[in-house]
């Protein structure tokens, strides 16, 4: 779907100004419905709305509503006013829809755009997820120095016979996050299991296990991701090989004792030694544990997903 060149040029300039770590702004999605609005002075702004439906056995239900309407805004240099009028137009567009309770309106936007944040809050959107990055060299502030693992913690690569322990921890953290961010799903174990099984089936899985006094204490599940020209990742990250931290879980009774920190020092060191551009992950800003832990590990938000549940609650 095409938009006016002047508006798109201003959109790209805005992104480049907001945050030097952002990749070049992506063009509008090819598929979607267009929403148009104008500021008081007549400046045109545009958005493209895409709808995604997830069935009961779809993995995205672990972090997403079943019925998602995502807006891709193009507001150029209009700031808060431009985002505000576009969200108002989206609200009017939503009047013709009939979303159920398990639905959401979503906007993924650069985390450092304070002008847009004002408009998001005014329209009932809240920060539900953030893509955070940790880089150890150019283009951004260096993270904290890697810490030496706790002497009482043993860290190793997970094995297939660790599956039950790892799955139980993954389900427990999903249930915890369900209190503060995404919905709890009764079939969380069934949705989580396949990816963990695939990870453990490899000779050198990117899944680490921390043990304390011989007992399982935490795990970290990661992957290599390539941000290459034309890829979906290139719309979010600078180009290069990145370490993706998919999930990190510490047994509830051991949280706050340095186990997770010791575990991540090993993960970070391994990715760095293998030439990673950096590492990135998604965390919930509303989670009182992860919002503190990851910042202390040297991560900072690059993109924030602003959401309202159900979709009809958009103001």
Protein backbone atom coordinates (compact mmCIF):
# COMPACT_ATOMS: atom_id res chain seq x y z
CA UNK A 1 0.00 0.00 0.00
CA UNK A 2 1.51 3.32 -1.06
CA UNK A 3 1.43 6.60 0.83
CA UNK A 4 2.52 10.10 -0.15
CA UNK A 5 6.28 10.39 -0.65
CA UNK A 6 6.51 13.60 1.39
CA UNK A 7 4.85 11.95 4.36
CA UNK A 8 7.04 8.84 4.13
CA UNK A 9 10.23 10.92 3.83
CA UNK A 10 9.24 12.85 6.96
CA UNK A 11 8.44 9.55 8.69
CA UNK A 12 11.92 8.20 7.93
CA UNK A 13 13.53 11.41 9.11
CA UNK A 14 11.57 11.21 12.37
CA UNK A 15 12.78 7.69 13.10
CA UNK A 16 16.39 8.59 12.32
CA UNK A 17 16.18 11.55 14.71
CA UNK A 18 14.45 9.71 17.56
CA UNK A 19 16.98 6.93 18.07
CA UNK A 20 20.28 6.30 16.29
CA UNK A 21 19.99 2.55 16.85
CA UNK A 22 16.75 2.26 14.86
CA UNK A 23 17.09 0.79 11.36
CA UNK A 24 15.74 2.79 8.43
CA UNK A 25 11.97 3.05 8.74
CA UNK A 26 10.09 0.39 6.79
CA UNK A 27 7.55 1.24 4.08
CA UNK A 28 3.82 0.66 4.68
CA UNK A 29 2.57 -2.94 4.74
CA UNK A 30 1.42 -4.22 1.37
CA UNK A 31 -1.79 -5.65 2.84
CA UNK A 32 -4.17 -3.77 5.13
CA UNK A 33 -6.87 -1.12 5.36
CA UNK A 34 -5.94 2.52 5.18
CA UNK A 35 -6.95 5.11 7.79
CA UNK A 36 -6.48 8.82 7.01
CA UNK A 37 -6.66 11.96 9.14
CA UNK A 38 -5.46 15.57 9.12
CA UNK A 39 -4.13 17.99 11.72
CA UNK A 40 -5.79 21.34 12.42
CA UNK A 41 -3.45 22.98 9.91
CA UNK A 42 -4.38 20.45 7.22
CA UNK A 43 -1.30 18.21 7.31
CA UNK A 44 -2.29 14.70 6.21
CA UNK A 45 -1.34 11.65 8.27
CA UNK A 46 -1.99 8.00 7.44
CA UNK A 47 -2.11 4.57 9.01
CA UNK A 48 -2.50 1.00 7.77
CA UNK A 49 -4.49 -1.48 9.87
CA UNK A 50 -3.79 -5.21 9.70
CA UNK A 51 -5.86 -7.88 11.42
CA UNK A 52 -4.42 -11.13 12.77
CA UNK A 53 -6.50 -14.05 14.06
CA UNK A 54 -4.99 -16.78 16.26
CA UNK A 55 -6.58 -20.16 16.84
CA UNK A 56 -6.59 -22.03 20.18
CA UNK A 57 -3.46 -24.03 19.26
CA UNK A 58 -1.41 -21.10 17.92
CA UNK A 59 1.76 -20.26 19.87
CA UNK A 60 1.27 -16.44 19.64
CA UNK A 61 -1.59 -16.83 22.13
CA UNK A 62 1.14 -17.01 24.78
CA UNK A 63 1.70 -13.28 24.38
CA UNK A 64 -1.14 -12.06 22.17
CA UNK A 65 -4.89 -11.69 22.06
CA UNK A 66 -6.73 -14.05 19.75
CA UNK A 67 -8.00 -11.19 17.56
CA UNK A 68 -5.44 -8.43 16.94
CA UNK A 69 -5.80 -5.19 15.00
CA UNK A 70 -2.43 -3.53 14.50
CA UNK A 71 -1.99 0.03 13.31
CA UNK A 72 1.11 1.08 11.35
CA UNK A 73 1.17 4.90 11.72
CA UNK A 74 2.82 7.40 9.38
CA UNK A 75 2.63 10.80 11.04
CA UNK A 76 5.74 12.47 9.63
CA UNK A 77 6.81 15.42 11.76
CA UNK A 78 3.37 16.14 13.26
CA UNK A 79 4.21 14.72 16.70
CA UNK A 80 1.54 14.36 19.36
CA UNK A 81 -1.16 16.08 17.31
CA UNK A 82 -0.63 13.88 14.28
CA UNK A 83 -0.71 10.66 16.32
CA UNK A 84 -3.75 11.90 18.24
CA UNK A 85 -5.86 12.63 15.14
CA UNK A 86 -4.81 9.34 13.56
CA UNK A 87 -5.83 7.39 16.67
CA UNK A 88 -9.15 9.26 16.68
CA UNK A 89 -9.72 8.19 13.09
CA UNK A 90 -8.84 4.62 14.05
CA UNK A 91 -11.36 4.79 16.89
CA UNK A 92 -14.02 5.85 14.36
CA UNK A 93 -12.92 3.03 12.03
CA UNK A 94 -13.31 0.59 14.94
CA UNK A 95 -16.97 1.58 15.33
CA UNK A 96 -17.76 -0.60 12.32
CA UNK A 97 -16.01 -3.59 13.91
CA UNK A 98 -17.35 -6.06 16.48
CA UNK A 99 -14.31 -7.31 18.43
CA UNK A 100 -14.83 -9.81 21.24
CA UNK A 101 -13.25 -9.85 24.69
CA UNK A 102 -10.10 -11.71 23.58
CA UNK A 103 -9.06 -8.90 21.24
CA UNK A 104 -6.64 -5.99 21.16
CA UNK A 105 -5.58 -2.85 19.34
CA UNK A 106 -1.80 -2.65 18.96
CA UNK A 107 0.76 -0.08 17.85
CA UNK A 108 4.47 -0.93 17.79
CA UNK A 109 6.48 2.28 17.98
CA UNK A 110 10.01 3.53 18.82
CA UNK A 111 10.38 3.62 22.59
CA UNK A 112 12.04 7.04 22.71
CA UNK A 113 9.28 8.98 20.95
CA UNK A 114 7.86 10.86 23.93
CA UNK A 115 5.48 12.92 21.75
CA UNK A 116 3.77 9.76 20.52
CA UNK A 117 3.62 8.32 24.04
CA UNK A 118 1.41 11.22 25.12
CA UNK A 119 -1.12 10.35 22.40
CA UNK A 120 -1.01 6.62 23.18
CA UNK A 121 -1.81 7.23 26.84
CA UNK A 122 -4.63 9.62 26.00
CA UNK A 123 -6.28 6.92 23.89
CA UNK A 124 -6.11 4.17 26.50
CA UNK A 125 -3.08 2.31 25.15
CA UNK A 126 -0.57 0.92 27.65
CA UNK A 127 2.99 -0.40 27.17
CA UNK A 128 2.57 -4.19 27.20
CA UNK A 129 5.81 -5.34 25.58
CA UNK A 130 9.20 -3.89 24.73
CA UNK A 131 11.94 -5.06 22.40
CA UNK A 132 15.12 -4.26 24.30
CA UNK A 133 18.69 -4.39 23.01
CA UNK A 134 22.09 -4.82 24.59
CA UNK A 135 25.07 -3.74 22.53
CA UNK A 136 28.68 -3.93 23.57
CA UNK A 137 30.33 -1.62 21.09
CA UNK A 138 29.30 0.99 18.50
CA UNK A 139 26.15 3.08 18.09
CA UNK A 140 24.93 3.04 21.67
CA UNK A 141 26.05 3.23 25.24
CA UNK A 142 27.97 0.18 26.38
CA UNK A 143 26.14 -2.13 28.79
CA UNK A 144 27.32 -3.09 32.22
CA UNK A 145 30.44 -5.25 32.26
CA UNK A 146 29.69 -8.98 32.34
CA UNK A 147 29.67 -10.32 35.87
CA UNK A 148 31.52 -13.38 37.12
CA UNK A 149 29.04 -16.19 37.82
CA UNK A 150 28.19 -16.93 41.46
CA UNK A 151 30.57 -19.59 42.74
CA UNK A 152 27.61 -21.54 44.12
CA UNK A 153 25.90 -21.75 40.73
CA UNK A 154 26.77 -24.36 38.10
CA UNK A 155 25.77 -23.58 34.52
CA UNK A 156 25.64 -26.08 31.68
CA UNK A 157 23.88 -26.71 28.38
CA UNK A 158 20.52 -28.39 28.90
CA UNK A 159 19.93 -32.00 27.86
CA UNK A 160 16.83 -33.83 26.59
CA UNK A 161 16.26 -35.33 30.04
CA UNK A 162 15.88 -31.78 31.43
CA UNK A 163 12.66 -31.30 29.44
CA UNK A 164 10.18 -31.74 32.30
CA UNK A 165 12.05 -29.33 34.58
CA UNK A 166 12.39 -26.72 31.85
CA UNK A 167 8.74 -26.98 30.81
CA UNK A 168 7.54 -26.64 34.40
CA UNK A 169 9.60 -23.48 34.85
CA UNK A 170 8.37 -22.04 31.55
CA UNK A 171 4.73 -22.65 32.52
CA UNK A 172 5.28 -21.06 35.93
CA UNK A 173 6.66 -17.86 34.42
CA UNK A 174 3.80 -17.73 31.90
CA UNK A 175 1.33 -17.94 34.78
CA UNK A 176 3.18 -15.18 36.63
CA UNK A 177 3.23 -12.88 33.59
CA UNK A 178 -0.49 -13.56 33.19
CA UNK A 179 -1.05 -11.52 36.35
CA UNK A 180 0.62 -8.39 35.01
CA UNK A 181 0.64 -8.50 31.22
CA UNK A 182 -0.61 -11.12 28.77
CA UNK A 183 -3.50 -13.46 29.45
CA UNK A 184 -3.08 -16.81 31.14
CA UNK A 185 -3.74 -19.68 28.76
CA UNK A 186 -4.99 -22.99 30.13
CA UNK A 187 -3.05 -24.85 27.42
CA UNK A 188 0.24 -23.00 28.02
CA UNK A 189 2.18 -26.25 28.50
CA UNK A 190 1.01 -27.59 25.13
CA UNK A 191 1.94 -24.32 23.41
CA UNK A 192 5.37 -24.08 25.05
CA UNK A 193 6.46 -27.70 24.73
CA UNK A 194 7.26 -28.02 20.98
CA UNK A 195 9.86 -25.21 20.88
CA UNK A 196 11.57 -26.53 24.00
CA UNK A 197 11.64 -30.06 22.59
CA UNK A 198 13.19 -28.81 19.35
CA UNK A 199 15.83 -26.84 21.27
CA UNK A 200 16.78 -29.83 23.41
CA UNK A 201 17.00 -32.13 20.40
CA UNK A 202 20.14 -30.37 19.13
CA UNK A 203 23.73 -31.40 19.86
CA UNK A 204 24.54 -27.97 21.30
CA UNK A 205 21.19 -26.42 22.21
CA UNK A 206 21.03 -22.72 22.92
CA UNK A 207 19.36 -23.59 26.17
CA UNK A 208 21.36 -23.23 29.37
CA UNK A 209 20.51 -24.61 32.79
CA UNK A 210 21.65 -23.19 36.13
CA UNK A 211 21.89 -25.46 39.15
CA UNK A 212 22.41 -24.47 42.75
CA UNK A 213 23.43 -27.10 45.29
CA UNK A 214 22.56 -29.76 42.75
CA UNK A 215 19.01 -28.50 42.20
CA UNK A 216 17.65 -26.91 39.02
CA UNK A 217 17.49 -23.16 39.63
CA UNK A 218 16.97 -21.41 36.27
CA UNK A 219 17.17 -21.75 32.51
CA UNK A 220 17.78 -19.48 29.52
CA UNK A 221 16.52 -20.26 26.01
CA UNK A 222 18.12 -18.32 23.15
CA UNK A 223 18.66 -18.36 19.38
CA UNK A 224 20.72 -16.79 16.63
CA UNK A 225 18.83 -14.27 14.48
CA UNK A 226 20.14 -12.64 11.28
CA UNK A 227 18.97 -9.14 10.46
CA UNK A 228 19.54 -9.01 6.69
CA UNK A 229 18.24 -6.66 3.97
CA UNK A 230 14.59 -7.37 3.24
CA UNK A 231 14.03 -9.56 6.30
CA UNK A 232 11.38 -8.92 8.94
CA UNK A 233 14.16 -8.53 11.53
CA UNK A 234 15.74 -5.71 9.51
CA UNK A 235 12.63 -3.60 10.21
CA UNK A 236 13.40 -3.75 13.93
CA UNK A 237 17.16 -4.19 14.34
CA UNK A 238 20.40 -2.94 12.79
CA UNK A 239 21.80 -5.42 10.31
CA UNK A 240 24.02 -8.20 11.61
CA UNK A 241 23.91 -11.44 13.62
CA UNK A 242 22.05 -11.03 16.89
CA UNK A 243 21.62 -13.24 19.89
CA UNK A 244 17.91 -13.50 20.72
CA UNK A 245 17.05 -14.27 24.34
CA UNK A 246 13.68 -15.97 24.07
CA UNK A 247 13.01 -16.85 27.69
CA UNK A 248 14.79 -16.72 31.04
CA UNK A 249 13.19 -18.26 34.12
CA UNK A 250 14.37 -18.56 37.71
CA UNK A 251 12.67 -20.84 40.22
CA UNK A 252 10.42 -18.52 42.32
CA UNK A 253 12.12 -19.27 45.64
CA UNK A 254 15.54 -18.32 44.25
CA UNK A 255 14.66 -15.03 42.54
CA UNK A 256 16.75 -12.10 43.68
CA UNK A 257 19.72 -14.27 44.70
CA UNK A 258 21.90 -13.68 41.63
CA UNK A 259 21.13 -16.94 39.83
CA UNK A 260 19.65 -15.22 36.77
CA UNK A 261 22.54 -12.77 36.68
CA UNK A 262 25.08 -15.60 36.77
CA UNK A 263 23.22 -17.46 34.04
CA UNK A 264 23.02 -14.45 31.73
CA UNK A 265 26.72 -13.66 32.17
CA UNK A 266 27.46 -17.01 30.53
CA UNK A 267 24.90 -16.48 27.76
CA UNK A 268 26.18 -12.97 26.98
CA UNK A 269 29.81 -14.11 26.97
CA UNK A 270 29.05 -16.97 24.56
CA UNK A 271 27.18 -14.75 22.12
CA UNK A 272 29.89 -12.10 22.27
CA UNK A 273 32.65 -14.67 21.68
CA UNK A 274 30.79 -15.91 18.58
CA UNK A 275 30.60 -12.41 17.06
CA UNK A 276 27.09 -11.26 17.89
CA UNK A 277 26.21 -7.67 17.02
CA UNK A 278 24.44 -7.66 20.37
CA UNK A 279 21.57 -9.40 22.06
CA UNK A 280 17.90 -8.55 22.19
CA UNK A 281 14.73 -9.76 23.85
CA UNK A 282 11.13 -8.91 24.60
CA UNK A 283 10.00 -8.11 28.13
CA UNK A 284 6.86 -6.74 29.76
CA UNK A 285 7.30 -3.20 31.15
CA UNK A 286 4.43 -3.95 33.57
CA UNK A 287 6.32 -6.95 35.00
CA UNK A 288 7.90 -5.74 38.28
CA UNK A 289 10.68 -8.34 38.00
CA UNK A 290 11.80 -8.25 34.38
CA UNK A 291 11.53 -4.45 34.08
CA UNK A 292 14.25 -4.16 36.73
CA UNK A 293 16.35 -7.23 35.90
CA UNK A 294 16.90 -6.54 32.22
CA UNK A 295 17.81 -2.89 32.66
CA UNK A 296 20.45 -3.93 35.17
CA UNK A 297 21.80 -6.36 32.57
CA UNK A 298 22.46 -3.47 30.18
CA UNK A 299 19.31 -3.69 28.04
CA UNK A 300 17.29 -0.70 27.00
CA UNK A 301 14.00 -0.47 25.08
CA UNK A 302 14.17 0.14 21.32
CA UNK A 303 10.54 -0.59 20.39
CA UNK A 304 7.46 -0.60 22.60
CA UNK A 305 4.21 -2.37 21.82
CA UNK A 306 1.28 -0.22 22.97
CA UNK A 307 -1.95 -2.15 23.41
CA UNK A 308 -5.50 -1.93 24.67
CA UNK A 309 -7.63 -4.95 25.61
CA UNK A 310 -10.29 -5.54 24.41
CA UNK A 311 -10.02 -3.73 21.09
CA UNK A 312 -13.32 -1.91 21.72
CA UNK A 313 -11.70 -0.10 24.69
CA UNK A 314 -9.64 2.11 22.35
CA UNK A 315 -10.56 5.72 23.13
